[in-house]
Structure formats: structure tokens, C-alpha cells
Amino acid sequence: MKIFLTEIEAYGATFAGPNIIAKSIEEAEEAAKNNGMNVIGELDSIYIDNEAAQHMNVLQTERTIH
């Protein structure tokens, strides 16, 4: 299973949406579409450096994620 990040538009602005957990981007996009959201990428990792700052890395996708 993979974690896909979403966004949603409301009140004339774009907001982060809920994460979708699915086997493929196609499944995630279908779930997002059915709920008025857009898939913006796949969560790859969260890296914590020596200063304890968190950095999220997101794979941007055109539909194919390797």
C-alpha cells in the first residue's frame, strides 16, 4: 500500500486534503475524483536531520510513479 497526498479547492482557495492509502495511483485518483479532490503526489519519506527539523519529500506525478 502507498500513501497519496491530495488537495481540495474550497472558498476560492486550495487546501491540503486527506491522505489516500491505496495500492496504485489509479485507485487513489478514482477515490479522490469521487470525493472532489485531486491527487498531487505520493508520500515518499519524512527525513529528520540533526536539528530535528522535519522535511517531507513528495514525488510529483503525471500518473506514472516508479
C-alpha atoms as a PDB file:
ATOM      1  CA  MET A   1       0.000   0.000   0.000  1.00  0.00           C
ATOM      2  CA  LYS A   2       1.111   3.541  -0.741  1.00  0.00           C
ATOM      3  CA  ILE A   3       0.149   6.924   0.712  1.00  0.00           C
ATOM      4  CA  PHE A   4      -1.115   9.503  -1.770  1.00  0.00           C
ATOM      5  CA  LEU A   5      -1.427  13.193  -0.906  1.00  0.00           C
ATOM      6  CA  THR A   6      -4.436  15.187  -2.053  1.00  0.00           C
ATOM      7  CA  GLU A   7      -5.665  18.745  -2.335  1.00  0.00           C
ATOM      8  CA  ILE A   8      -9.158  20.199  -2.377  1.00  0.00           C
ATOM      9  CA  GLU A   9     -10.491  23.536  -3.565  1.00  0.00           C
ATOM     10  CA  ALA A  10     -12.986  25.382  -1.369  1.00  0.00           C
ATOM     11  CA  TYR A  11     -13.913  29.003  -0.678  1.00  0.00           C
ATOM     12  CA  GLY A  12     -11.792  30.118  -3.637  1.00  0.00           C
ATOM     13  CA  ALA A  13      -8.595  28.599  -2.220  1.00  0.00           C
ATOM     14  CA  THR A  14      -6.685  25.328  -2.408  1.00  0.00           C
ATOM     15  CA  PHE A  15      -6.194  23.310   0.787  1.00  0.00           C
ATOM     16  CA  ALA A  16      -4.383  20.100   1.694  1.00  0.00           C
ATOM     17  CA  GLY A  17      -6.795  17.199   1.578  1.00  0.00           C
ATOM     18  CA  PRO A  18      -6.758  13.888   3.405  1.00  0.00           C
ATOM     19  CA  ASN A  19      -4.237  11.204   2.534  1.00  0.00           C
ATOM     20  CA  ILE A  20      -5.464   8.262   0.476  1.00  0.00           C
ATOM     21  CA  ILE A  21      -3.989   4.830   1.130  1.00  0.00           C
ATOM     22  CA  ALA A  22      -4.235   2.663  -1.980  1.00  0.00           C
ATOM     23  CA  LYS A  23      -2.336   0.033  -3.961  1.00  0.00           C
ATOM     24  CA  SER A  24      -1.978   2.204  -7.064  1.00  0.00           C
ATOM     25  CA  ILE A  25      -2.260   5.787  -8.231  1.00  0.00           C
ATOM     26  CA  GLU A  26      -5.222   4.780 -10.399  1.00  0.00           C
ATOM     27  CA  GLU A  27      -7.153   3.627  -7.319  1.00  0.00           C
ATOM     28  CA  ALA A  28      -6.167   6.776  -5.428  1.00  0.00           C
ATOM     29  CA  GLU A  29      -7.212   9.046  -8.307  1.00  0.00           C
ATOM     30  CA  GLU A  30     -10.589   7.318  -8.559  1.00  0.00           C
ATOM     31  CA  ALA A  31     -11.187   7.747  -4.821  1.00  0.00           C
ATOM     32  CA  ALA A  32     -10.085  11.384  -4.997  1.00  0.00           C
ATOM     33  CA  LYS A  33     -12.320  12.088  -8.002  1.00  0.00           C
ATOM     34  CA  ASN A  34     -15.316  10.546  -6.242  1.00  0.00           C
ATOM     35  CA  ASN A  35     -14.722  12.880  -3.289  1.00  0.00           C
ATOM     36  CA  GLY A  36     -13.984  16.121  -5.150  1.00  0.00           C
ATOM     37  CA  MET A  37     -10.213  16.065  -4.582  1.00  0.00           C
ATOM     38  CA  ASN A  38      -7.047  15.843  -6.683  1.00  0.00           C
ATOM     39  CA  VAL A  39      -4.072  13.546  -6.102  1.00  0.00           C
ATOM     40  CA  ILE A  40      -0.918  15.672  -6.064  1.00  0.00           C
ATOM     41  CA  GLY A  41       1.711  13.033  -5.361  1.00  0.00           C
ATOM     42  CA  GLU A  42       2.908  10.057  -3.377  1.00  0.00           C
ATOM     43  CA  LEU A  43       4.445  10.383   0.078  1.00  0.00           C
ATOM     44  CA  ASP A  44       7.972   9.063  -0.264  1.00  0.00           C
ATOM     45  CA  SER A  45       9.584   9.708   3.120  1.00  0.00           C
ATOM     46  CA  ILE A  46       9.951  12.028   6.075  1.00  0.00           C
ATOM     47  CA  TYR A  47      13.536  12.950   6.852  1.00  0.00           C
ATOM     48  CA  ILE A  48      14.575  14.308  10.247  1.00  0.00           C
ATOM     49  CA  ASP A  49      18.002  15.953  10.298  1.00  0.00           C
ATOM     50  CA  ASN A  50      20.310  16.640  13.231  1.00  0.00           C
ATOM     51  CA  GLU A  51      18.461  19.857  14.109  1.00  0.00           C
ATOM     52  CA  ALA A  52      15.186  17.901  14.444  1.00  0.00           C
ATOM     53  CA  ALA A  53      13.623  19.783  11.513  1.00  0.00           C
ATOM     54  CA  GLN A  54      11.183  17.678   9.516  1.00  0.00           C
ATOM     55  CA  HIS A  55      11.279  17.635   5.730  1.00  0.00           C
ATOM     56  CA  MET A  56       8.630  15.838   3.706  1.00  0.00           C
ATOM     57  CA  ASN A  57       9.625  14.565   0.282  1.00  0.00           C
ATOM     58  CA  VAL A  58       6.821  14.176  -2.233  1.00  0.00           C
ATOM     59  CA  LEU A  59       7.095  12.538  -5.608  1.00  0.00           C
ATOM     60  CA  GLN A  60       5.228  14.672  -8.138  1.00  0.00           C
ATOM     61  CA  THR A  61       3.460  12.575 -10.709  1.00  0.00           C
ATOM     62  CA  GLU A  62       1.943  12.796 -14.149  1.00  0.00           C
ATOM     63  CA  ARG A  63       0.291   9.385 -13.467  1.00  0.00           C
ATOM     64  CA  THR A  64       3.316   7.056 -13.557  1.00  0.00           C
ATOM     65  CA  ILE A  65       5.195   6.540 -10.310  1.00  0.00           C
ATOM     66  CA  HIS A  66       8.201   4.241 -10.205  1.00  0.00           C
END
